Amino acid sequence: MNRIYYYLFLYFLLLFKNTSFWFLYMVSDMFYFFLFYIMRYRRKVVFTNLKESFPDKSEEEIFRIAKGFYRHLCDISVEGVKAFSLREKDILKRYRMLNPEILEPYYNKKESVIAILGHYNNWEWGSLAAGIVFKHKPVGFYKPLSNLYIDDYIQQTRAKKGMLLESVSRTTQTFKRCKKIPSIYIMVADQSPMNLKLAYWVPFLNHDTPVLHGTEKHAVMNNYPLFFADVQKVKRGYYTVKMELLIGDPSTTEPGEITLKFMQRLEKQIKAKPENWLWSHRRWKHRRT
């Protein structure tokens, strides 16, 4: 059965391989109408998250942000499908790295770095652009799919663009294995943690929020400088990324300091354009006991 799903997956990708972007976004518009008005996908979760995060905003403002979020969600969904067939010139045109040279001094010293970001704007295309633009070896972490055929296809597709994808369960082993290779470890770090005992709790968007401890742990353990990847949406289908040094020497930080700085910077990013964050997840399902 997994093989059948795999071939259906390939057929689905083939349908979009040579599809122009204007058609993709027409599909996105129809998808948005269905998701928001008919299916009402996770509307309760989205509106609850927005109201609790922005108690000072009016009902009209919350509704406007919610609609903007659903449009954005549909856009990045079709962009994710298109990612499998994007040509290098299209990636460089649509996902511009503004200051890749900021990492060159570290590469010249054969030092690895960590790029940290949230589920904001299009983070998937970043894995494609990183392998083209950066001199460092891009290393990403993900939760493997249950369908091994599709999972292997995704890994091979990313590898063609220079990205090494590893399971999140092998994060520590990957850092050790790549120790001698100047790498940029790309870590999306705003998910809700499974293990609350190891989580750091920080104020974030008007909530007491548990945060994954892994990025901070590996930064301190390896003393790799951390860069915040500021992904901005210029217009539909076009993004820019600016790398900002967040922590230059993690070994000098206090426990929780790195996590707090990251979440503060992410909050600033979200507040500027809240519709571009992933509001459909139950981010605050856990409460501190």
C-alpha atoms as a PDB file:
ATOM      1  CA  MET A   1       0.000   0.000   0.000  1.00  0.00           C
ATOM      2  CA  ASN A   2       2.870   2.392   0.794  1.00  0.00           C
ATOM      3  CA  ARG A   3       4.222   1.915  -2.718  1.00  0.00           C
ATOM      4  CA  ILE A   4       0.816   2.802  -4.188  1.00  0.00           C
ATOM      5  CA  TYR A   5       0.697   5.994  -2.115  1.00  0.00           C
ATOM      6  CA  TYR A   6       4.217   6.752  -3.283  1.00  0.00           C
ATOM      7  CA  TYR A   7       3.239   6.543  -6.961  1.00  0.00           C
ATOM      8  CA  LEU A   8       0.171   8.686  -6.303  1.00  0.00           C
ATOM      9  CA  PHE A   9       2.471  11.187  -4.600  1.00  0.00           C
ATOM     10  CA  LEU A  10       4.780  11.257  -7.630  1.00  0.00           C
ATOM     11  CA  TYR A  11       1.816  11.700  -9.971  1.00  0.00           C
ATOM     12  CA  PHE A  12       0.573  14.594  -7.837  1.00  0.00           C
ATOM     13  CA  LEU A  13       3.993  16.270  -8.023  1.00  0.00           C
ATOM     14  CA  LEU A  14       4.121  15.694 -11.774  1.00  0.00           C
ATOM     15  CA  LEU A  15       0.863  17.604 -12.204  1.00  0.00           C
ATOM     16  CA  PHE A  16       2.488  20.676 -10.695  1.00  0.00           C
ATOM     17  CA  LYS A  17       5.969  20.263 -12.179  1.00  0.00           C
ATOM     18  CA  ASN A  18       5.471  22.553 -15.180  1.00  0.00           C
ATOM     19  CA  THR A  19       2.616  24.551 -13.729  1.00  0.00           C
ATOM     20  CA  SER A  20       3.094  28.306 -13.786  1.00  0.00           C
ATOM     21  CA  PHE A  21       2.960  30.248 -10.546  1.00  0.00           C
ATOM     22  CA  TRP A  22      -0.149  32.202 -11.534  1.00  0.00           C
ATOM     23  CA  PHE A  23      -2.034  28.911 -11.821  1.00  0.00           C
ATOM     24  CA  LEU A  24      -0.612  27.686  -8.509  1.00  0.00           C
ATOM     25  CA  TYR A  25      -1.880  30.773  -6.745  1.00  0.00           C
ATOM     26  CA  MET A  26      -5.266  30.416  -8.418  1.00  0.00           C
ATOM     27  CA  VAL A  27      -5.394  26.947  -6.846  1.00  0.00           C
ATOM     28  CA  SER A  28      -4.312  28.522  -3.555  1.00  0.00           C
ATOM     29  CA  ASP A  29      -7.172  31.042  -3.741  1.00  0.00           C
ATOM     30  CA  MET A  30      -9.725  28.276  -4.254  1.00  0.00           C
ATOM     31  CA  PHE A  31      -8.115  26.246  -1.480  1.00  0.00           C
ATOM     32  CA  TYR A  32      -8.362  29.272   0.829  1.00  0.00           C
ATOM     33  CA  PHE A  33     -12.083  29.745   0.146  1.00  0.00           C
ATOM     34  CA  PHE A  34     -12.745  26.069   0.855  1.00  0.00           C
ATOM     35  CA  LEU A  35     -10.558  25.964   3.976  1.00  0.00           C
ATOM     36  CA  PHE A  36     -11.798  29.177   5.574  1.00  0.00           C
ATOM     37  CA  TYR A  37     -15.462  29.385   4.615  1.00  0.00           C
ATOM     38  CA  ILE A  38     -16.575  25.797   3.997  1.00  0.00           C
ATOM     39  CA  MET A  39     -14.330  23.401   5.903  1.00  0.00           C
ATOM     40  CA  ARG A  40     -13.597  26.039   8.575  1.00  0.00           C
ATOM     41  CA  TYR A  41     -10.291  24.282   9.198  1.00  0.00           C
ATOM     42  CA  ARG A  42      -9.159  24.700  12.824  1.00  0.00           C
ATOM     43  CA  ARG A  43     -10.916  28.047  13.068  1.00  0.00           C
ATOM     44  CA  LYS A  44     -11.488  27.681  16.799  1.00  0.00           C
ATOM     45  CA  VAL A  45      -7.767  27.029  17.406  1.00  0.00           C
ATOM     46  CA  VAL A  46      -6.683  29.900  15.158  1.00  0.00           C
ATOM     47  CA  PHE A  47      -9.075  32.480  16.614  1.00  0.00           C
ATOM     48  CA  THR A  48      -8.361  31.408  20.206  1.00  0.00           C
ATOM     49  CA  ASN A  49      -4.610  31.686  19.635  1.00  0.00           C
ATOM     50  CA  LEU A  50      -4.968  35.121  18.055  1.00  0.00           C
ATOM     51  CA  LYS A  51      -7.321  36.523  20.694  1.00  0.00           C
ATOM     52  CA  GLU A  52      -5.133  35.311  23.564  1.00  0.00           C
ATOM     53  CA  SER A  53      -1.936  36.556  21.898  1.00  0.00           C
ATOM     54  CA  PHE A  54      -3.333  39.984  21.009  1.00  0.00           C
ATOM     55  CA  PRO A  55      -5.902  40.879  23.701  1.00  0.00           C
ATOM     56  CA  ASP A  56      -5.752  44.566  22.715  1.00  0.00           C
ATOM     57  CA  LYS A  57      -6.816  43.966  19.122  1.00  0.00           C
ATOM     58  CA  SER A  58     -10.435  44.368  18.058  1.00  0.00           C
ATOM     59  CA  GLU A  59     -12.618  41.584  16.649  1.00  0.00           C
ATOM     60  CA  GLU A  60     -12.231  43.150  13.203  1.00  0.00           C
ATOM     61  CA  GLU A  61      -8.429  43.110  13.473  1.00  0.00           C
ATOM     62  CA  ILE A  62      -8.405  39.490  14.667  1.00  0.00           C
ATOM     63  CA  PHE A  63     -10.675  38.499  11.786  1.00  0.00           C
ATOM     64  CA  ARG A  64      -8.438  40.302   9.280  1.00  0.00           C
ATOM     65  CA  ILE A  65      -5.302  38.579  10.635  1.00  0.00           C
ATOM     66  CA  ALA A  66      -7.043  35.196  10.586  1.00  0.00           C
ATOM     67  CA  LYS A  67      -8.076  35.596   6.950  1.00  0.00           C
ATOM     68  CA  GLY A  68      -4.546  36.687   6.088  1.00  0.00           C
ATOM     69  CA  PHE A  69      -3.182  33.617   7.851  1.00  0.00           C
ATOM     70  CA  TYR A  70      -5.410  31.209   5.904  1.00  0.00           C
ATOM     71  CA  ARG A  71      -4.378  32.836   2.625  1.00  0.00           C
ATOM     72  CA  HIS A  72      -0.733  32.534   3.651  1.00  0.00           C
ATOM     73  CA  LEU A  73      -1.199  28.906   4.745  1.00  0.00           C
ATOM     74  CA  CYS A  74      -2.629  28.000   1.339  1.00  0.00           C
ATOM     75  CA  ASP A  75       0.169  29.850  -0.439  1.00  0.00           C
ATOM     76  CA  ILE A  76       2.966  28.054   1.405  1.00  0.00           C
ATOM     77  CA  SER A  77       1.150  24.738   0.862  1.00  0.00           C
ATOM     78  CA  VAL A  78       1.243  25.076  -2.931  1.00  0.00           C
ATOM     79  CA  GLU A  79       4.759  26.518  -2.709  1.00  0.00           C
ATOM     80  CA  GLY A  80       5.780  23.407  -0.773  1.00  0.00           C
ATOM     81  CA  VAL A  81       4.538  21.211  -3.606  1.00  0.00           C
ATOM     82  CA  LYS A  82       6.303  23.390  -6.171  1.00  0.00           C
ATOM     83  CA  ALA A  83       9.544  23.086  -4.182  1.00  0.00           C
ATOM     84  CA  PHE A  84      10.139  19.618  -5.621  1.00  0.00           C
ATOM     85  CA  SER A  85      10.470  20.982  -9.155  1.00  0.00           C
ATOM     86  CA  LEU A  86      11.909  24.474  -8.622  1.00  0.00           C
ATOM     87  CA  ARG A  87      14.928  25.244 -10.771  1.00  0.00           C
ATOM     88  CA  GLU A  88      18.015  26.787  -9.215  1.00  0.00           C
ATOM     89  CA  LYS A  89      17.505  30.132 -10.963  1.00  0.00           C
ATOM     90  CA  ASP A  90      13.922  30.294  -9.672  1.00  0.00           C
ATOM     91  CA  ILE A  91      15.055  29.575  -6.122  1.00  0.00           C
ATOM     92  CA  LEU A  92      17.659  32.331  -6.253  1.00  0.00           C
ATOM     93  CA  LYS A  93      15.124  34.732  -7.758  1.00  0.00           C
ATOM     94  CA  ARG A  94      12.290  34.002  -5.353  1.00  0.00           C
ATOM     95  CA  TYR A  95      14.202  33.308  -2.119  1.00  0.00           C
ATOM     96  CA  ARG A  96      17.010  35.849  -1.837  1.00  0.00           C
ATOM     97  CA  MET A  97      19.674  35.643   0.844  1.00  0.00           C
ATOM     98  CA  LEU A  98      20.545  39.263   1.583  1.00  0.00           C
ATOM     99  CA  ASN A  99      23.823  38.832   3.461  1.00  0.00           C
ATOM    100  CA  PRO A 100      25.338  35.340   3.015  1.00  0.00           C
ATOM    101  CA  GLU A 101      28.799  36.884   3.361  1.00  0.00           C
ATOM    102  CA  ILE A 102      28.211  37.266   7.119  1.00  0.00           C
ATOM    103  CA  LEU A 103      28.960  33.543   7.479  1.00  0.00           C
ATOM    104  CA  GLU A 104      32.151  33.502   5.410  1.00  0.00           C
ATOM    105  CA  PRO A 105      34.563  34.370   8.276  1.00  0.00           C
ATOM    106  CA  TYR A 106      33.316  31.281  10.120  1.00  0.00           C
ATOM    107  CA  TYR A 107      33.614  29.106   7.034  1.00  0.00           C
ATOM    108  CA  ASN A 108      37.159  30.341   6.409  1.00  0.00           C
ATOM    109  CA  LYS A 109      38.053  29.218   9.937  1.00  0.00           C
ATOM    110  CA  LYS A 110      36.241  25.903   9.300  1.00  0.00           C
ATOM    111  CA  GLU A 111      33.727  26.718  12.038  1.00  0.00           C
ATOM    112  CA  SER A 112      30.120  25.571  11.987  1.00  0.00           C
ATOM    113  CA  VAL A 113      27.137  27.778  12.832  1.00  0.00           C
ATOM    114  CA  ILE A 114      23.480  27.329  13.757  1.00  0.00           C
ATOM    115  CA  ALA A 115      20.656  29.133  11.967  1.00  0.00           C
ATOM    116  CA  ILE A 116      17.519  29.318  14.091  1.00  0.00           C
ATOM    117  CA  LEU A 117      14.054  30.303  12.914  1.00  0.00           C
ATOM    118  CA  GLY A 118      10.355  29.766  13.495  1.00  0.00           C
ATOM    119  CA  HIS A 119       7.428  28.584  11.381  1.00  0.00           C
ATOM    120  CA  TYR A 120       7.193  32.014   9.827  1.00  0.00           C
ATOM    121  CA  ASN A 121       6.707  32.781   6.135  1.00  0.00           C
ATOM    122  CA  ASN A 122       8.144  30.067   3.864  1.00  0.00           C
ATOM    123  CA  TRP A 123      10.763  28.048   5.749  1.00  0.00           C
ATOM    124  CA  GLU A 124      10.700  25.121   3.275  1.00  0.00           C
ATOM    125  CA  TRP A 125      12.271  27.030   0.391  1.00  0.00           C
ATOM    126  CA  GLY A 126      15.063  28.007   2.743  1.00  0.00           C
ATOM    127  CA  SER A 127      16.361  24.438   2.716  1.00  0.00           C
ATOM    128  CA  LEU A 128      16.679  24.673  -1.070  1.00  0.00           C
ATOM    129  CA  ALA A 129      18.345  28.082  -1.122  1.00  0.00           C
ATOM    130  CA  ALA A 130      20.825  27.253   1.641  1.00  0.00           C
ATOM    131  CA  GLY A 131      22.515  24.539  -0.398  1.00  0.00           C
ATOM    132  CA  ILE A 132      23.016  26.950  -3.289  1.00  0.00           C
ATOM    133  CA  VAL A 133      24.030  30.135  -1.488  1.00  0.00           C
ATOM    134  CA  PHE A 134      26.009  29.149   1.607  1.00  0.00           C
ATOM    135  CA  LYS A 135      29.521  27.735   1.574  1.00  0.00           C
ATOM    136  CA  HIS A 136      28.713  25.820   4.753  1.00  0.00           C
ATOM    137  CA  LYS A 137      27.115  22.388   4.384  1.00  0.00           C
ATOM    138  CA  PRO A 138      23.387  22.823   5.191  1.00  0.00           C
ATOM    139  CA  VAL A 139      22.044  20.299   7.699  1.00  0.00           C
ATOM    140  CA  GLY A 140      18.347  20.141   8.539  1.00  0.00           C
ATOM    141  CA  PHE A 141      16.286  18.071  10.955  1.00  0.00           C
ATOM    142  CA  TYR A 142      12.803  16.692  10.422  1.00  0.00           C
ATOM    143  CA  LYS A 143      10.366  14.058  11.623  1.00  0.00           C
ATOM    144  CA  PRO A 144      10.613  11.116   9.176  1.00  0.00           C
ATOM    145  CA  LEU A 145       7.449  10.046   7.373  1.00  0.00           C
ATOM    146  CA  SER A 146       5.904   6.644   7.977  1.00  0.00           C
ATOM    147  CA  ASN A 147       5.945   5.992   4.220  1.00  0.00           C
ATOM    148  CA  LEU A 148       9.594   5.129   3.608  1.00  0.00           C
ATOM    149  CA  TYR A 149       9.313   5.527  -0.173  1.00  0.00           C
ATOM    150  CA  ILE A 150       8.096   9.119   0.081  1.00  0.00           C
ATOM    151  CA  ASP A 151      10.515   9.843   2.899  1.00  0.00           C
ATOM    152  CA  ASP A 152      13.457   8.623   0.827  1.00  0.00           C
ATOM    153  CA  TYR A 153      12.291  10.680  -2.161  1.00  0.00           C
ATOM    154  CA  ILE A 154      12.169  13.845  -0.051  1.00  0.00           C
ATOM    155  CA  GLN A 155      15.663  13.195   1.299  1.00  0.00           C
ATOM    156  CA  GLN A 156      17.062  12.620  -2.196  1.00  0.00           C
ATOM    157  CA  THR A 157      15.388  15.772  -3.528  1.00  0.00           C
ATOM    158  CA  ARG A 158      16.906  17.892  -0.775  1.00  0.00           C
ATOM    159  CA  ALA A 159      20.308  16.202  -1.220  1.00  0.00           C
ATOM    160  CA  LYS A 160      20.380  17.269  -4.880  1.00  0.00           C
ATOM    161  CA  LYS A 161      20.266  20.871  -3.668  1.00  0.00           C
ATOM    162  CA  GLY A 162      23.065  20.221  -1.156  1.00  0.00           C
ATOM    163  CA  MET A 163      20.957  19.767   1.973  1.00  0.00           C
ATOM    164  CA  LEU A 164      21.576  16.923   4.425  1.00  0.00           C
ATOM    165  CA  LEU A 165      18.305  15.905   6.119  1.00  0.00           C
ATOM    166  CA  GLU A 166      18.455  13.939   9.357  1.00  0.00           C
ATOM    167  CA  SER A 167      15.818  12.665  11.758  1.00  0.00           C
ATOM    168  CA  VAL A 168      15.258  14.807  14.838  1.00  0.00           C
ATOM    169  CA  SER A 169      15.879  11.662  16.871  1.00  0.00           C
ATOM    170  CA  ARG A 170      19.462  11.655  15.562  1.00  0.00           C
ATOM    171  CA  THR A 171      20.278  15.299  16.220  1.00  0.00           C
ATOM    172  CA  THR A 172      23.082  14.644  18.707  1.00  0.00           C
ATOM    173  CA  GLN A 173      24.650  11.943  16.523  1.00  0.00           C
ATOM    174  CA  THR A 174      24.492  14.261  13.500  1.00  0.00           C
ATOM    175  CA  PHE A 175      26.306  17.069  15.307  1.00  0.00           C
ATOM    176  CA  LYS A 176      29.031  14.594  16.274  1.00  0.00           C
ATOM    177  CA  ARG A 177      29.282  13.055  12.800  1.00  0.00           C
ATOM    178  CA  CYS A 178      29.572  16.437  11.061  1.00  0.00           C
ATOM    179  CA  LYS A 179      31.997  17.864  13.609  1.00  0.00           C
ATOM    180  CA  LYS A 180      34.836  18.229  11.101  1.00  0.00           C
ATOM    181  CA  ILE A 181      32.651  19.611   8.302  1.00  0.00           C
ATOM    182  CA  PRO A 182      31.905  23.373   8.336  1.00  0.00           C
ATOM    183  CA  SER A 183      28.121  23.146   8.511  1.00  0.00           C
ATOM    184  CA  ILE A 184      25.122  25.385   8.988  1.00  0.00           C
ATOM    185  CA  TYR A 185      22.584  23.570  11.154  1.00  0.00           C
ATOM    186  CA  ILE A 186      19.124  24.877  10.281  1.00  0.00           C
ATOM    187  CA  MET A 187      16.796  24.480  13.242  1.00  0.00           C
ATOM    188  CA  VAL A 188      13.108  25.424  13.319  1.00  0.00           C
ATOM    189  CA  ALA A 189      12.671  25.803  17.049  1.00  0.00           C
ATOM    190  CA  ASP A 190       9.231  27.186  17.938  1.00  0.00           C
ATOM    191  CA  GLN A 191       7.328  23.895  18.206  1.00  0.00           C
ATOM    192  CA  SER A 192       5.579  22.756  21.362  1.00  0.00           C
ATOM    193  CA  PRO A 193       7.933  20.323  23.169  1.00  0.00           C
ATOM    194  CA  MET A 194       6.920  16.745  23.916  1.00  0.00           C
ATOM    195  CA  ASN A 195       8.974  16.567  27.116  1.00  0.00           C
ATOM    196  CA  LEU A 196       7.943  19.432  29.394  1.00  0.00           C
ATOM    197  CA  LYS A 197      10.508  18.448  32.029  1.00  0.00           C
ATOM    198  CA  LEU A 198      13.325  19.543  29.697  1.00  0.00           C
ATOM    199  CA  ALA A 199      11.545  22.593  28.289  1.00  0.00           C
ATOM    200  CA  TYR A 200      12.436  26.201  28.982  1.00  0.00           C
ATOM    201  CA  TRP A 201       9.480  28.404  29.906  1.00  0.00           C
ATOM    202  CA  VAL A 202       9.512  31.928  28.497  1.00  0.00           C
ATOM    203  CA  PRO A 203       7.007  34.776  28.031  1.00  0.00           C
ATOM    204  CA  PHE A 204       5.895  34.700  24.393  1.00  0.00           C
ATOM    205  CA  LEU A 205       2.898  36.344  22.737  1.00  0.00           C
ATOM    206  CA  ASN A 206       1.091  36.962  26.013  1.00  0.00           C
ATOM    207  CA  HIS A 207       1.541  33.317  27.131  1.00  0.00           C
ATOM    208  CA  ASP A 208       3.784  31.432  29.522  1.00  0.00           C
ATOM    209  CA  THR A 209       5.285  29.215  26.821  1.00  0.00           C
ATOM    210  CA  PRO A 210       7.292  25.959  26.939  1.00  0.00           C
ATOM    211  CA  VAL A 211      10.070  25.866  24.334  1.00  0.00           C
ATOM    212  CA  LEU A 212      12.270  23.088  22.956  1.00  0.00           C
ATOM    213  CA  HIS A 213      15.630  22.922  24.711  1.00  0.00           C
ATOM    214  CA  GLY A 214      17.542  21.147  21.928  1.00  0.00           C
ATOM    215  CA  THR A 215      18.850  24.120  19.960  1.00  0.00           C
ATOM    216  CA  GLU A 216      20.283  25.768  23.049  1.00  0.00           C
ATOM    217  CA  LYS A 217      21.750  22.466  24.243  1.00  0.00           C
ATOM    218  CA  HIS A 218      23.636  21.843  21.001  1.00  0.00           C
ATOM    219  CA  ALA A 219      24.753  25.460  20.670  1.00  0.00           C
ATOM    220  CA  VAL A 220      26.294  25.417  24.147  1.00  0.00           C
ATOM    221  CA  MET A 221      27.689  21.888  23.842  1.00  0.00           C
ATOM    222  CA  ASN A 222      29.489  22.691  20.581  1.00  0.00           C
ATOM    223  CA  ASN A 223      29.905  26.444  21.181  1.00  0.00           C
ATOM    224  CA  TYR A 224      28.515  27.231  17.726  1.00  0.00           C
ATOM    225  CA  PRO A 225      27.380  30.830  17.149  1.00  0.00           C
ATOM    226  CA  LEU A 226      23.663  31.251  16.548  1.00  0.00           C
ATOM    227  CA  PHE A 227      22.148  33.306  13.754  1.00  0.00           C
ATOM    228  CA  PHE A 228      18.496  34.263  13.571  1.00  0.00           C
ATOM    229  CA  ALA A 229      17.161  33.767  10.042  1.00  0.00           C
ATOM    230  CA  ASP A 230      14.826  36.699   9.457  1.00  0.00           C
ATOM    231  CA  VAL A 231      12.557  35.488   6.637  1.00  0.00           C
ATOM    232  CA  GLN A 232      10.369  38.211   5.137  1.00  0.00           C
ATOM    233  CA  LYS A 233       7.669  38.002   2.494  1.00  0.00           C
ATOM    234  CA  VAL A 234       8.238  40.680  -0.145  1.00  0.00           C
ATOM    235  CA  LYS A 235       5.157  39.729  -2.142  1.00  0.00           C
ATOM    236  CA  ARG A 236       3.377  36.565  -3.157  1.00  0.00           C
ATOM    237  CA  GLY A 237       5.976  33.925  -3.999  1.00  0.00           C
ATOM    238  CA  TYR A 238       8.980  36.116  -3.169  1.00  0.00           C
ATOM    239  CA  TYR A 239      10.987  36.102   0.051  1.00  0.00           C
ATOM    240  CA  THR A 240      14.172  37.533   1.506  1.00  0.00           C
ATOM    241  CA  VAL A 241      16.339  36.199   4.328  1.00  0.00           C
ATOM    242  CA  LYS A 242      18.681  38.244   6.471  1.00  0.00           C
ATOM    243  CA  MET A 243      21.029  36.469   8.864  1.00  0.00           C
ATOM    244  CA  GLU A 244      21.348  38.218  12.240  1.00  0.00           C
ATOM    245  CA  LEU A 245      23.931  37.204  14.834  1.00  0.00           C
ATOM    246  CA  LEU A 246      21.928  36.260  17.924  1.00  0.00           C
ATOM    247  CA  ILE A 247      24.623  34.757  20.180  1.00  0.00           C
ATOM    248  CA  GLY A 248      28.306  34.845  19.259  1.00  0.00           C
ATOM    249  CA  ASP A 249      29.662  32.782  22.163  1.00  0.00           C
ATOM    250  CA  PRO A 250      27.064  30.374  23.588  1.00  0.00           C
ATOM    251  CA  SER A 251      29.530  29.071  26.203  1.00  0.00           C
ATOM    252  CA  THR A 252      29.193  32.340  28.134  1.00  0.00           C
ATOM    253  CA  THR A 253      25.390  32.268  28.374  1.00  0.00           C
ATOM    254  CA  GLU A 254      23.183  31.360  31.320  1.00  0.00           C
ATOM    255  CA  PRO A 255      20.725  28.424  31.062  1.00  0.00           C
ATOM    256  CA  GLY A 256      17.675  29.554  29.120  1.00  0.00           C
ATOM    257  CA  GLU A 257      19.280  32.771  27.860  1.00  0.00           C
ATOM    258  CA  ILE A 258      19.616  31.604  24.254  1.00  0.00           C
ATOM    259  CA  THR A 259      16.047  30.327  24.157  1.00  0.00           C
ATOM    260  CA  LEU A 260      14.709  33.573  25.607  1.00  0.00           C
ATOM    261  CA  LYS A 261      16.610  35.721  23.083  1.00  0.00           C
ATOM    262  CA  PHE A 262      15.378  33.616  20.189  1.00  0.00           C
ATOM    263  CA  MET A 263      11.749  33.751  21.299  1.00  0.00           C
ATOM    264  CA  GLN A 264      11.951  37.498  21.897  1.00  0.00           C
ATOM    265  CA  ARG A 265      13.304  38.030  18.381  1.00  0.00           C
ATOM    266  CA  LEU A 266      10.674  35.714  16.914  1.00  0.00           C
ATOM    267  CA  GLU A 267       7.920  37.559  18.777  1.00  0.00           C
ATOM    268  CA  LYS A 268       9.120  40.854  17.311  1.00  0.00           C
ATOM    269  CA  GLN A 269       9.003  39.304  13.848  1.00  0.00           C
ATOM    270  CA  ILE A 270       5.503  37.903  14.352  1.00  0.00           C
ATOM    271  CA  LYS A 271       4.059  41.127  15.748  1.00  0.00           C
ATOM    272  CA  ALA A 272       5.190  43.014  12.646  1.00  0.00           C
ATOM    273  CA  LYS A 273       3.141  40.727  10.347  1.00  0.00           C
ATOM    274  CA  PRO A 274       1.205  38.234  12.494  1.00  0.00           C
ATOM    275  CA  GLU A 275      -0.653  36.610   9.599  1.00  0.00           C
ATOM    276  CA  ASN A 276       2.556  34.931   8.416  1.00  0.00           C
ATOM    277  CA  TRP A 277       3.088  32.703  11.467  1.00  0.00           C
ATOM    278  CA  LEU A 278       1.592  29.213  11.874  1.00  0.00           C
ATOM    279  CA  TRP A 279      -1.483  29.867  14.051  1.00  0.00           C
ATOM    280  CA  SER A 280      -3.296  26.597  13.329  1.00  0.00           C
ATOM    281  CA  HIS A 281      -1.307  24.547  15.844  1.00  0.00           C
ATOM    282  CA  ARG A 282      -2.298  24.201  19.488  1.00  0.00           C
ATOM    283  CA  ARG A 283       0.902  25.939  20.571  1.00  0.00           C
ATOM    284  CA  TRP A 284      -0.288  26.568  24.133  1.00  0.00           C
ATOM    285  CA  LYS A 285      -1.936  23.244  24.918  1.00  0.00           C
ATOM    286  CA  HIS A 286       0.504  22.740  27.811  1.00  0.00           C
ATOM    287  CA  ARG A 287       0.313  24.775  30.994  1.00  0.00           C
ATOM    288  CA  ARG A 288       2.969  25.075  33.644  1.00  0.00           C
ATOM    289  CA  THR A 289       2.083  23.024  36.717  1.00  0.00           C
END
